[in-house]
Amino acid sequence: ETLIAYRYPVYRMTMDNKEYSAAGVIIVNGRCYAGKHIVSPDND
């Protein structure tokens, strides 16, 4: 449903005082996201 209806805006982000412009961001505290999928293998 989201693929069809979403408008895909761009967001302004500041991370540790450095600026970025992007379609989105995923923040992870450990290694996994959305189940068992590894997006940050060296994190804990």
PDB file of all heavy atoms in Angstrom:
ATOM      1  N   GLU A   1       0.829  -1.204   0.000  1.00  0.00           N
ATOM      2  CA  GLU A   1       0.000   0.000   0.000  1.00  0.00           C
ATOM      3  C   GLU A   1       0.864   1.256   0.000  1.00  0.00           C
ATOM      4  O   GLU A   1       0.566   2.238  -0.700  1.00  0.00           O
ATOM      5  CB  GLU A   1      -0.917   0.002   1.219  1.00  0.00           C
ATOM      6  CG  GLU A   1      -1.985  -1.081   1.210  1.00  0.00           C
ATOM      7  CD  GLU A   1      -2.841  -1.041   2.463  1.00  0.00           C
ATOM      8  OE1 GLU A   1      -2.599  -0.175   3.334  1.00  0.00           O
ATOM      9  OE2 GLU A   1      -3.752  -1.879   2.573  1.00  0.00           O
ATOM     10  N   THR A   2       1.937   1.228   0.788  1.00  0.00           N
ATOM     11  CA  THR A   2       2.802   2.403   0.902  1.00  0.00           C
ATOM     12  C   THR A   2       3.538   2.682  -0.397  1.00  0.00           C
ATOM     13  O   THR A   2       3.713   3.852  -0.791  1.00  0.00           O
ATOM     14  CB  THR A   2       3.811   2.209   2.052  1.00  0.00           C
ATOM     15  OG1 THR A   2       3.102   1.912   3.252  1.00  0.00           O
ATOM     16  CG2 THR A   2       4.639   3.472   2.273  1.00  0.00           C
ATOM     17  N   LEU A   3       3.991   1.633  -1.082  1.00  0.00           N
ATOM     18  CA  LEU A   3       4.663   1.813  -2.372  1.00  0.00           C
ATOM     19  C   LEU A   3       3.805   2.617  -3.341  1.00  0.00           C
ATOM     20  O   LEU A   3       4.312   3.452  -4.099  1.00  0.00           O
ATOM     21  CB  LEU A   3       4.996   0.455  -2.994  1.00  0.00           C
ATOM     22  CG  LEU A   3       6.290  -0.217  -2.568  1.00  0.00           C
ATOM     23  CD1 LEU A   3       6.345  -1.635  -3.107  1.00  0.00           C
ATOM     24  CD2 LEU A   3       7.503   0.576  -3.046  1.00  0.00           C
ATOM     25  N   ILE A   4       2.508   2.394  -3.297  1.00  0.00           N
ATOM     26  CA  ILE A   4       1.586   3.066  -4.210  1.00  0.00           C
ATOM     27  C   ILE A   4       1.280   4.486  -3.750  1.00  0.00           C
ATOM     28  O   ILE A   4       1.263   5.423  -4.549  1.00  0.00           O
ATOM     29  CB  ILE A   4       0.284   2.254  -4.334  1.00  0.00           C
ATOM     30  CG1 ILE A   4       0.584   0.872  -4.931  1.00  0.00           C
ATOM     31  CG2 ILE A   4      -0.751   2.989  -5.180  1.00  0.00           C
ATOM     32  CD1 ILE A   4      -0.578  -0.092  -4.865  1.00  0.00           C
ATOM     33  N   ALA A   5       1.043   4.651  -2.455  1.00  0.00           N
ATOM     34  CA  ALA A   5       0.518   5.926  -1.946  1.00  0.00           C
ATOM     35  C   ALA A   5       1.583   6.918  -1.469  1.00  0.00           C
ATOM     36  O   ALA A   5       1.325   8.125  -1.418  1.00  0.00           O
ATOM     37  CB  ALA A   5      -0.458   5.651  -0.802  1.00  0.00           C
ATOM     38  N   TYR A   6       2.772   6.435  -1.097  1.00  0.00           N
ATOM     39  CA  TYR A   6       3.789   7.296  -0.496  1.00  0.00           C
ATOM     40  C   TYR A   6       4.327   8.315  -1.503  1.00  0.00           C
ATOM     41  O   TYR A   6       4.466   8.023  -2.697  1.00  0.00           O
ATOM     42  CB  TYR A   6       4.930   6.412   0.018  1.00  0.00           C
ATOM     43  CG  TYR A   6       5.955   7.105   0.872  1.00  0.00           C
ATOM     44  CD1 TYR A   6       5.604   7.834   1.990  1.00  0.00           C
ATOM     45  CD2 TYR A   6       7.322   6.999   0.564  1.00  0.00           C
ATOM     46  CE1 TYR A   6       6.554   8.449   2.786  1.00  0.00           C
ATOM     47  CE2 TYR A   6       8.283   7.600   1.349  1.00  0.00           C
ATOM     48  CZ  TYR A   6       7.900   8.327   2.454  1.00  0.00           C
ATOM     49  OH  TYR A   6       8.860   8.934   3.239  1.00  0.00           O
ATOM     50  N   ARG A   7       4.670   9.516  -1.030  1.00  0.00           N
ATOM     51  CA  ARG A   7       5.109  10.595  -1.929  1.00  0.00           C
ATOM     52  C   ARG A   7       6.630  10.736  -2.007  1.00  0.00           C
ATOM     53  O   ARG A   7       7.132  11.578  -2.749  1.00  0.00           O
ATOM     54  CB  ARG A   7       4.483  11.922  -1.470  1.00  0.00           C
ATOM     55  CG  ARG A   7       2.960  11.923  -1.609  1.00  0.00           C
ATOM     56  CD  ARG A   7       2.383  13.283  -1.289  1.00  0.00           C
ATOM     57  NE  ARG A   7       0.939  13.326  -1.483  1.00  0.00           N
ATOM     58  CZ  ARG A   7       0.197  14.397  -1.314  1.00  0.00           C
ATOM     59  NH1 ARG A   7       0.782  15.551  -0.932  1.00  0.00           N
ATOM     60  NH2 ARG A   7      -1.103  14.351  -1.504  1.00  0.00           N
ATOM     61  N   TYR A   8       7.369   9.998  -1.223  1.00  0.00           N
ATOM     62  CA  TYR A   8       8.840   9.940  -1.277  1.00  0.00           C
ATOM     63  C   TYR A   8       9.505  11.311  -1.141  1.00  0.00           C
ATOM     64  O   TYR A   8      10.238  11.769  -2.015  1.00  0.00           O
ATOM     65  CB  TYR A   8       9.295   9.254  -2.576  1.00  0.00           C
ATOM     66  CG  TYR A   8       8.726   7.865  -2.713  1.00  0.00           C
ATOM     67  CD1 TYR A   8       7.566   7.646  -3.457  1.00  0.00           C
ATOM     68  CD2 TYR A   8       9.311   6.784  -2.065  1.00  0.00           C
ATOM     69  CE1 TYR A   8       7.024   6.371  -3.565  1.00  0.00           C
ATOM     70  CE2 TYR A   8       8.769   5.509  -2.160  1.00  0.00           C
ATOM     71  CZ  TYR A   8       7.624   5.314  -2.903  1.00  0.00           C
ATOM     72  OH  TYR A   8       7.089   4.060  -2.999  1.00  0.00           O
ATOM     73  N   PRO A   9       9.275  11.987  -0.019  1.00  0.00           N
ATOM     74  CA  PRO A   9       9.938  13.278   0.214  1.00  0.00           C
ATOM     75  C   PRO A   9      11.405  13.099   0.592  1.00  0.00           C
ATOM     76  O   PRO A   9      11.870  11.988   0.849  1.00  0.00           O
ATOM     77  CB  PRO A   9       9.141  13.853   1.398  1.00  0.00           C
ATOM     78  CG  PRO A   9       8.688  12.633   2.140  1.00  0.00           C
ATOM     79  CD  PRO A   9       8.390  11.602   1.094  1.00  0.00           C
ATOM     80  N   VAL A  10      12.112  14.217   0.648  1.00  0.00           N
ATOM     81  CA  VAL A  10      13.517  14.237   1.075  1.00  0.00           C
ATOM     82  C   VAL A  10      13.580  14.971   2.410  1.00  0.00           C
ATOM     83  O   VAL A  10      12.901  15.988   2.609  1.00  0.00           O
ATOM     84  CB  VAL A  10      14.400  14.926   0.025  1.00  0.00           C
ATOM     85  CG1 VAL A  10      15.821  15.108   0.546  1.00  0.00           C
ATOM     86  CG2 VAL A  10      14.409  14.108  -1.265  1.00  0.00           C
ATOM     87  N   TYR A  11      14.410  14.463   3.321  1.00  0.00           N
ATOM     88  CA  TYR A  11      14.501  14.990   4.679  1.00  0.00           C
ATOM     89  C   TYR A  11      15.869  15.605   4.928  1.00  0.00           C
ATOM     90  O   TYR A  11      16.884  15.140   4.405  1.00  0.00           O
ATOM     91  CB  TYR A  11      14.251  13.874   5.703  1.00  0.00           C
ATOM     92  CG  TYR A  11      12.922  13.201   5.533  1.00  0.00           C
ATOM     93  CD1 TYR A  11      12.811  12.013   4.809  1.00  0.00           C
ATOM     94  CD2 TYR A  11      11.769  13.759   6.075  1.00  0.00           C
ATOM     95  CE1 TYR A  11      11.580  11.401   4.641  1.00  0.00           C
ATOM     96  CE2 TYR A  11      10.529  13.153   5.913  1.00  0.00           C
ATOM     97  CZ  TYR A  11      10.446  11.975   5.190  1.00  0.00           C
ATOM     98  OH  TYR A  11       9.234  11.385   5.016  1.00  0.00           O
ATOM     99  N   ARG A  12      15.886  16.630   5.778  1.00  0.00           N
ATOM    100  CA  ARG A  12      17.137  17.261   6.204  1.00  0.00           C
ATOM    101  C   ARG A  12      17.541  16.671   7.551  1.00  0.00           C
ATOM    102  O   ARG A  12      16.724  16.618   8.481  1.00  0.00           O
ATOM    103  CB  ARG A  12      16.962  18.770   6.316  1.00  0.00           C
ATOM    104  CG  ARG A  12      16.594  19.432   5.000  1.00  0.00           C
ATOM    105  CD  ARG A  12      16.474  20.949   5.142  1.00  0.00           C
ATOM    106  NE  ARG A  12      15.418  21.318   6.081  1.00  0.00           N
ATOM    107  CZ  ARG A  12      14.127  21.386   5.755  1.00  0.00           C
ATOM    108  NH1 ARG A  12      13.736  21.087   4.527  1.00  0.00           N
ATOM    109  NH2 ARG A  12      13.231  21.746   6.661  1.00  0.00           N
ATOM    110  N   MET A  13      18.789  16.230   7.647  1.00  0.00           N
ATOM    111  CA  MET A  13      19.263  15.549   8.846  1.00  0.00           C
ATOM    112  C   MET A  13      20.592  16.135   9.283  1.00  0.00           C
ATOM    113  O   MET A  13      21.427  16.497   8.450  1.00  0.00           O
ATOM    114  CB  MET A  13      19.465  14.054   8.570  1.00  0.00           C
ATOM    115  CG  MET A  13      18.307  13.373   7.908  1.00  0.00           C
ATOM    116  SD  MET A  13      18.698  11.658   7.453  1.00  0.00           S
ATOM    117  CE  MET A  13      17.241  11.270   6.481  1.00  0.00           C
ATOM    118  N   THR A  14      20.789  16.184  10.591  1.00  0.00           N
ATOM    119  CA  THR A  14      22.081  16.564  11.160  1.00  0.00           C
ATOM    120  C   THR A  14      22.514  15.449  12.098  1.00  0.00           C
ATOM    121  O   THR A  14      21.793  15.117  13.043  1.00  0.00           O
ATOM    122  CB  THR A  14      21.994  17.887  11.939  1.00  0.00           C
ATOM    123  OG1 THR A  14      21.512  18.907  11.060  1.00  0.00           O
ATOM    124  CG2 THR A  14      23.357  18.292  12.475  1.00  0.00           C
ATOM    125  N   MET A  15      23.669  14.861  11.814  1.00  0.00           N
ATOM    126  CA  MET A  15      24.177  13.757  12.627  1.00  0.00           C
ATOM    127  C   MET A  15      25.558  14.108  13.153  1.00  0.00           C
ATOM    128  O   MET A  15      26.503  14.274  12.379  1.00  0.00           O
ATOM    129  CB  MET A  15      24.234  12.472  11.799  1.00  0.00           C
ATOM    130  CG  MET A  15      22.877  12.088  11.237  1.00  0.00           C
ATOM    131  SD  MET A  15      22.778  10.394  10.695  1.00  0.00           S
ATOM    132  CE  MET A  15      21.113  10.379  10.021  1.00  0.00           C
ATOM    133  N   ASP A  16      25.637  14.251  14.477  1.00  0.00           N
ATOM    134  CA  ASP A  16      26.884  14.665  15.110  1.00  0.00           C
ATOM    135  C   ASP A  16      27.470  15.882  14.401  1.00  0.00           C
ATOM    136  O   ASP A  16      28.642  15.917  14.021  1.00  0.00           O
ATOM    137  CB  ASP A  16      27.883  13.501  15.141  1.00  0.00           C
ATOM    138  CG  ASP A  16      27.457  12.409  16.111  1.00  0.00           C
ATOM    139  OD1 ASP A  16      26.576  12.665  16.956  1.00  0.00           O
ATOM    140  OD2 ASP A  16      27.998  11.300  16.018  1.00  0.00           O
ATOM    141  N   ASN A  17      26.603  16.880  14.182  1.00  0.00           N
ATOM    142  CA  ASN A  17      26.966  18.188  13.622  1.00  0.00           C
ATOM    143  C   ASN A  17      27.312  18.165  12.136  1.00  0.00           C
ATOM    144  O   ASN A  17      27.786  19.169  11.605  1.00  0.00           O
ATOM    145  CB  ASN A  17      28.131  18.809  14.406  1.00  0.00           C
ATOM    146  CG  ASN A  17      27.779  19.033  15.851  1.00  0.00           C
ATOM    147  OD1 ASN A  17      26.685  19.498  16.176  1.00  0.00           O
ATOM    148  ND2 ASN A  17      28.697  18.684  16.751  1.00  0.00           N
ATOM    149  N   LYS A  18      27.055  17.055  11.424  1.00  0.00           N
ATOM    150  CA  LYS A  18      27.262  17.004   9.981  1.00  0.00           C
ATOM    151  C   LYS A  18      25.911  16.868   9.301  1.00  0.00           C
ATOM    152  O   LYS A  18      25.081  16.057   9.708  1.00  0.00           O
ATOM    153  CB  LYS A  18      28.169  15.831   9.600  1.00  0.00           C
ATOM    154  CG  LYS A  18      28.544  15.830   8.122  1.00  0.00           C
ATOM    155  CD  LYS A  18      29.585  14.773   7.809  1.00  0.00           C
ATOM    156  CE  LYS A  18      29.970  14.818   6.334  1.00  0.00           C
ATOM    157  NZ  LYS A  18      30.995  13.790   6.000  1.00  0.00           N
ATOM    158  N   GLU A  19      25.683  17.664   8.232  1.00  0.00           N
ATOM    159  CA  GLU A  19      24.373  17.708   7.591  1.00  0.00           C
ATOM    160  C   GLU A  19      24.267  16.746   6.413  1.00  0.00           C
ATOM    161  O   GLU A  19      25.228  16.528   5.668  1.00  0.00           O
ATOM    162  CB  GLU A  19      24.080  19.143   7.125  1.00  0.00           C
ATOM    163  CG  GLU A  19      23.946  20.137   8.278  1.00  0.00           C
ATOM    164  CD  GLU A  19      23.539  21.517   7.807  1.00  0.00           C
ATOM    165  OE1 GLU A  19      23.452  21.730   6.577  1.00  0.00           O
ATOM    166  OE2 GLU A  19      23.313  22.390   8.675  1.00  0.00           O
ATOM    167  N   TYR A  20      23.055  16.172   6.262  1.00  0.00           N
ATOM    168  CA  TYR A  20      22.759  15.254   5.167  1.00  0.00           C
ATOM    169  C   TYR A  20      21.373  15.587   4.628  1.00  0.00           C
ATOM    170  O   TYR A  20      20.527  16.130   5.323  1.00  0.00           O
ATOM    171  CB  TYR A  20      22.772  13.794   5.636  1.00  0.00           C
ATOM    172  CG  TYR A  20      24.097  13.330   6.178  1.00  0.00           C
ATOM    173  CD1 TYR A  20      24.415  13.516   7.524  1.00  0.00           C
ATOM    174  CD2 TYR A  20      25.026  12.703   5.358  1.00  0.00           C
ATOM    175  CE1 TYR A  20      25.628  13.088   8.034  1.00  0.00           C
ATOM    176  CE2 TYR A  20      26.242  12.270   5.859  1.00  0.00           C
ATOM    177  CZ  TYR A  20      26.536  12.474   7.196  1.00  0.00           C
ATOM    178  OH  TYR A  20      27.746  12.052   7.704  1.00  0.00           O
ATOM    179  N   SER A  21      21.139  15.205   3.360  1.00  0.00           N
ATOM    180  CA  SER A  21      19.825  15.272   2.748  1.00  0.00           C
ATOM    181  C   SER A  21      19.547  13.893   2.179  1.00  0.00           C
ATOM    182  O   SER A  21      20.346  13.358   1.396  1.00  0.00           O
ATOM    183  CB  SER A  21      19.802  16.337   1.644  1.00  0.00           C
ATOM    184  OG  SER A  21      18.532  16.397   1.035  1.00  0.00           O
ATOM    185  N   ALA A  22      18.408  13.284   2.554  1.00  0.00           N
ATOM    186  CA  ALA A  22      18.190  11.893   2.167  1.00  0.00           C
ATOM    187  C   ALA A  22      16.713  11.548   2.140  1.00  0.00           C
ATOM    188  O   ALA A  22      15.862  12.280   2.666  1.00  0.00           O
ATOM    189  CB  ALA A  22      18.918  10.964   3.143  1.00  0.00           C
ATOM    190  N   ALA A  23      16.408  10.406   1.509  1.00  0.00           N
ATOM    191  CA  ALA A  23      15.032   9.934   1.411  1.00  0.00           C
ATOM    192  C   ALA A  23      14.561   9.290   2.706  1.00  0.00           C
ATOM    193  O   ALA A  23      13.356   9.164   2.943  1.00  0.00           O
ATOM    194  CB  ALA A  23      14.908   8.931   0.264  1.00  0.00           C
ATOM    195  N   GLY A  24      15.500   8.881   3.537  1.00  0.00           N
ATOM    196  CA  GLY A  24      15.128   8.255   4.798  1.00  0.00           C
ATOM    197  C   GLY A  24      16.345   7.805   5.566  1.00  0.00           C
ATOM    198  O   GLY A  24      17.478   7.838   5.065  1.00  0.00           O
ATOM    199  N   VAL A  25      16.119   7.376   6.802  1.00  0.00           N
ATOM    200  CA  VAL A  25      17.217   6.886   7.622  1.00  0.00           C
ATOM    201  C   VAL A  25      16.685   5.816   8.563  1.00  0.00           C
ATOM    202  O   VAL A  25      15.563   5.904   9.068  1.00  0.00           O
ATOM    203  CB  VAL A  25      17.893   8.020   8.426  1.00  0.00           C
ATOM    204  CG1 VAL A  25      16.908   8.680   9.384  1.00  0.00           C
ATOM    205  CG2 VAL A  25      19.123   7.510   9.173  1.00  0.00           C
ATOM    206  N   ILE A  26      17.490   4.786   8.760  1.00  0.00           N
ATOM    207  CA  ILE A  26      17.204   3.751   9.745  1.00  0.00           C
ATOM    208  C   ILE A  26      18.274   3.846  10.824  1.00  0.00           C
ATOM    209  O   ILE A  26      19.474   3.775  10.525  1.00  0.00           O
ATOM    210  CB  ILE A  26      17.223   2.344   9.107  1.00  0.00           C
ATOM    211  CG1 ILE A  26      16.131   2.227   8.039  1.00  0.00           C
ATOM    212  CG2 ILE A  26      17.038   1.270  10.173  1.00  0.00           C
ATOM    213  CD1 ILE A  26      16.254   0.982   7.191  1.00  0.00           C
ATOM    214  N   ILE A  27      17.854   4.040  12.057  1.00  0.00           N
ATOM    215  CA  ILE A  27      18.765   4.103  13.194  1.00  0.00           C
ATOM    216  C   ILE A  27      18.686   2.765  13.927  1.00  0.00           C
ATOM    217  O   ILE A  27      17.595   2.321  14.296  1.00  0.00           O
ATOM    218  CB  ILE A  27      18.382   5.236  14.163  1.00  0.00           C
ATOM    219  CG1 ILE A  27      18.222   6.565  13.410  1.00  0.00           C
ATOM    220  CG2 ILE A  27      19.395   5.347  15.302  1.00  0.00           C
ATOM    221  CD1 ILE A  27      19.471   7.053  12.741  1.00  0.00           C
ATOM    222  N   VAL A  28      19.827   2.113  14.124  1.00  0.00           N
ATOM    223  CA  VAL A  28      19.814   0.828  14.819  1.00  0.00           C
ATOM    224  C   VAL A  28      20.713   0.892  16.051  1.00  0.00           C
ATOM    225  O   VAL A  28      21.800   1.458  16.019  1.00  0.00           O
ATOM    226  CB  VAL A  28      20.251  -0.333  13.900  1.00  0.00           C
ATOM    227  CG1 VAL A  28      19.153  -0.678  12.922  1.00  0.00           C
ATOM    228  CG2 VAL A  28      21.533  -0.015  13.158  1.00  0.00           C
ATOM    229  N   ASN A  29      20.219   0.293  17.127  1.00  0.00           N
ATOM    230  CA  ASN A  29      20.943   0.258  18.390  1.00  0.00           C
ATOM    231  C   ASN A  29      21.789  -1.004  18.506  1.00  0.00           C
ATOM    232  O   ASN A  29      22.767  -1.037  19.238  1.00  0.00           O
ATOM    233  CB  ASN A  29      19.945   0.344  19.555  1.00  0.00           C
ATOM    234  CG  ASN A  29      20.615   0.565  20.894  1.00  0.00           C
ATOM    235  OD1 ASN A  29      21.681   1.171  20.979  1.00  0.00           O
ATOM    236  ND2 ASN A  29      19.996   0.071  21.961  1.00  0.00           N
ATOM    237  N   GLY A  30      21.396  -2.060  17.784  1.00  0.00           N
ATOM    238  CA  GLY A  30      22.138  -3.319  17.788  1.00  0.00           C
ATOM    239  C   GLY A  30      22.570  -3.695  16.388  1.00  0.00           C
ATOM    240  O   GLY A  30      23.050  -2.858  15.624  1.00  0.00           O
ATOM    241  N   ARG A  31      22.355  -4.963  16.020  1.00  0.00           N
ATOM    242  CA  ARG A  31      22.743  -5.434  14.692  1.00  0.00           C
ATOM    243  C   ARG A  31      21.550  -5.621  13.763  1.00  0.00           C
ATOM    244  O   ARG A  31      21.666  -5.469  12.558  1.00  0.00           O
ATOM    245  CB  ARG A  31      23.479  -6.787  14.811  1.00  0.00           C
ATOM    246  CG  ARG A  31      24.744  -6.751  15.645  1.00  0.00           C
ATOM    247  CD  ARG A  31      25.363  -8.153  15.732  1.00  0.00           C
ATOM    248  NE  ARG A  31      24.389  -9.116  16.246  1.00  0.00           N
ATOM    249  CZ  ARG A  31      24.046 -10.252  15.625  1.00  0.00           C
ATOM    250  NH1 ARG A  31      24.588 -10.551  14.459  1.00  0.00           N
ATOM    251  NH2 ARG A  31      23.158 -11.073  16.162  1.00  0.00           N
ATOM    252  N   CYS A  32      20.387  -5.969  14.333  1.00  0.00           N
ATOM    253  CA  CYS A  32      19.257  -6.439  13.533  1.00  0.00           C
ATOM    254  C   CYS A  32      18.215  -5.354  13.280  1.00  0.00           C
ATOM    255  O   CYS A  32      18.095  -4.391  14.027  1.00  0.00           O
ATOM    256  CB  CYS A  32      18.588  -7.623  14.229  1.00  0.00           C
ATOM    257  SG  CYS A  32      19.639  -9.073  14.426  1.00  0.00           S
ATOM    258  N   TYR A  33      17.454  -5.600  12.209  1.00  0.00           N
ATOM    259  CA  TYR A  33      16.349  -4.720  11.847  1.00  0.00           C
ATOM    260  C   TYR A  33      15.292  -5.553  11.123  1.00  0.00           C
ATOM    261  O   TYR A  33      15.632  -6.451  10.336  1.00  0.00           O
ATOM    262  CB  TYR A  33      16.840  -3.581  10.939  1.00  0.00           C
ATOM    263  CG  TYR A  33      15.727  -2.746  10.359  1.00  0.00           C
ATOM    264  CD1 TYR A  33      15.099  -1.771  11.125  1.00  0.00           C
ATOM    265  CD2 TYR A  33      15.293  -2.944   9.053  1.00  0.00           C
ATOM    266  CE1 TYR A  33      14.068  -1.005  10.609  1.00  0.00           C
ATOM    267  CE2 TYR A  33      14.266  -2.182   8.516  1.00  0.00           C
ATOM    268  CZ  TYR A  33      13.650  -1.222   9.302  1.00  0.00           C
ATOM    269  OH  TYR A  33      12.623  -0.475   8.795  1.00  0.00           O
ATOM    270  N   ALA A  34      14.017  -5.287  11.396  1.00  0.00           N
ATOM    271  CA  ALA A  34      12.901  -5.967  10.721  1.00  0.00           C
ATOM    272  C   ALA A  34      13.012  -7.486  10.827  1.00  0.00           C
ATOM    273  O   ALA A  34      12.856  -8.213   9.856  1.00  0.00           O
ATOM    274  CB  ALA A  34      12.821  -5.537   9.258  1.00  0.00           C
ATOM    275  N   GLY A  35      13.298  -7.964  12.017  1.00  0.00           N
ATOM    276  CA  GLY A  35      13.469  -9.400  12.221  1.00  0.00           C
ATOM    277  C   GLY A  35      14.945  -9.740  12.368  1.00  0.00           C
ATOM    278  O   GLY A  35      15.680  -9.064  13.073  1.00  0.00           O
ATOM    279  N   LYS A  36      15.369 -10.768  11.677  1.00  0.00           N
ATOM    280  CA  LYS A  36      16.742 -11.249  11.799  1.00  0.00           C
ATOM    281  C   LYS A  36      17.706 -10.614  10.810  1.00  0.00           C
ATOM    282  O   LYS A  36      18.873 -11.007  10.733  1.00  0.00           O
ATOM    283  CB  LYS A  36      16.765 -12.762  11.621  1.00  0.00           C
ATOM    284  CG  LYS A  36      16.314 -13.232  10.243  1.00  0.00           C
ATOM    285  CD  LYS A  36      16.345 -14.756  10.142  1.00  0.00           C
ATOM    286  CE  LYS A  36      15.875 -15.207   8.770  1.00  0.00           C
ATOM    287  NZ  LYS A  36      15.889 -16.696   8.645  1.00  0.00           N
ATOM    288  N   HIS A  37      17.261  -9.609  10.045  1.00  0.00           N
ATOM    289  CA  HIS A  37      18.102  -9.026   9.009  1.00  0.00           C
ATOM    290  C   HIS A  37      19.185  -8.131   9.627  1.00  0.00           C
ATOM    291  O   HIS A  37      18.908  -7.256  10.433  1.00  0.00           O
ATOM    292  CB  HIS A  37      17.249  -8.239   8.021  1.00  0.00           C
ATOM    293  CG  HIS A  37      16.153  -9.064   7.418  1.00  0.00           C
ATOM    294  ND1 HIS A  37      16.400 -10.134   6.597  1.00  0.00           N
ATOM    295  CD2 HIS A  37      14.802  -9.002   7.570  1.00  0.00           C
ATOM    296  CE1 HIS A  37      15.253 -10.694   6.242  1.00  0.00           C
ATOM    297  NE2 HIS A  37      14.280 -10.030   6.821  1.00  0.00           N
ATOM    298  N   ILE A  38      20.419  -8.346   9.215  1.00  0.00           N
ATOM    299  CA  ILE A  38      21.574  -7.648   9.786  1.00  0.00           C
ATOM    300  C   ILE A  38      21.860  -6.385   8.977  1.00  0.00           C
ATOM    301  O   ILE A  38      22.204  -6.460   7.785  1.00  0.00           O
ATOM    302  CB  ILE A  38      22.823  -8.552   9.796  1.00  0.00           C
ATOM    303  CG1 ILE A  38      22.533  -9.886  10.491  1.00  0.00           C
ATOM    304  CG2 ILE A  38      23.985  -7.830  10.463  1.00  0.00           C
ATOM    305  CD1 ILE A  38      22.173  -9.773  11.941  1.00  0.00           C
ATOM    306  N   VAL A  39      21.738  -5.231   9.598  1.00  0.00           N
ATOM    307  CA  VAL A  39      22.075  -3.979   8.919  1.00  0.00           C
ATOM    308  C   VAL A  39      23.287  -3.300   9.542  1.00  0.00           C
ATOM    309  O   VAL A  39      23.844  -2.369   8.967  1.00  0.00           O
ATOM    310  CB  VAL A  39      20.878  -2.997   8.905  1.00  0.00           C
ATOM    311  CG1 VAL A  39      19.714  -3.577   8.130  1.00  0.00           C
ATOM    312  CG2 VAL A  39      20.444  -2.636  10.312  1.00  0.00           C
ATOM    313  N   SER A  40      23.702  -3.757  10.720  1.00  0.00           N
ATOM    314  CA  SER A  40      24.878  -3.181  11.380  1.00  0.00           C
ATOM    315  C   SER A  40      25.658  -4.309  12.057  1.00  0.00           C
ATOM    316  O   SER A  40      25.579  -4.490  13.278  1.00  0.00           O
ATOM    317  CB  SER A  40      24.439  -2.123  12.402  1.00  0.00           C
ATOM    318  OG  SER A  40      25.561  -1.529  13.017  1.00  0.00           O
ATOM    319  N   PRO A  41      26.411  -5.089  11.271  1.00  0.00           N
ATOM    320  CA  PRO A  41      26.998  -6.337  11.780  1.00  0.00           C
ATOM    321  C   PRO A  41      27.976  -6.176  12.932  1.00  0.00           C
ATOM    322  O   PRO A  41      28.139  -7.106  13.727  1.00  0.00           O
ATOM    323  CB  PRO A  41      27.703  -6.928  10.544  1.00  0.00           C
ATOM    324  CG  PRO A  41      27.870  -5.774   9.609  1.00  0.00           C
ATOM    325  CD  PRO A  41      26.712  -4.873   9.844  1.00  0.00           C
ATOM    326  N   ASP A  42      28.626  -5.020  13.060  1.00  0.00           N
ATOM    327  CA  ASP A  42      29.634  -4.837  14.104  1.00  0.00           C
ATOM    328  C   ASP A  42      29.100  -4.120  15.338  1.00  0.00           C
ATOM    329  O   ASP A  42      29.861  -3.863  16.276  1.00  0.00           O
ATOM    330  CB  ASP A  42      30.840  -4.064  13.537  1.00  0.00           C
ATOM    331  CG  ASP A  42      31.532  -4.811  12.415  1.00  0.00           C
ATOM    332  OD1 ASP A  42      31.601  -6.057  12.499  1.00  0.00           O
ATOM    333  OD2 ASP A  42      31.983  -4.168  11.450  1.00  0.00           O
ATOM    334  N   ASN A  43      27.830  -3.802  15.343  1.00  0.00           N
ATOM    335  CA  ASN A  43      27.265  -3.076  16.479  1.00  0.00           C
ATOM    336  C   ASN A  43      26.807  -4.050  17.555  1.00  0.00           C
ATOM    337  O   ASN A  43      26.730  -5.264  17.342  1.00  0.00           O
ATOM    338  CB  ASN A  43      26.105  -2.194  16.021  1.00  0.00           C
ATOM    339  CG  ASN A  43      25.841  -1.049  16.968  1.00  0.00           C
ATOM    340  OD1 ASN A  43      26.742  -0.582  17.663  1.00  0.00           O
ATOM    341  ND2 ASN A  43      24.607  -0.570  17.016  1.00  0.00           N
ATOM    342  N   ASP A  44      26.487  -3.527  18.730  1.00  0.00           N
ATOM    343  CA  ASP A  44      26.093  -4.353  19.865  1.00  0.00           C
ATOM    344  C   ASP A  44      25.089  -3.575  20.699  1.00  0.00           C
ATOM    345  O   ASP A  44      25.261  -2.371  20.927  1.00  0.00           O
ATOM    346  CB  ASP A  44      27.329  -4.707  20.702  1.00  0.00           C
ATOM    347  CG  ASP A  44      27.008  -5.674  21.823  1.00  0.00           C
ATOM    348  OD1 ASP A  44      26.503  -5.216  22.870  1.00  0.00           O
ATOM    349  OD2 ASP A  44      27.248  -6.871  21.654  1.00  0.00           O
TER     350      ASP A  44
END
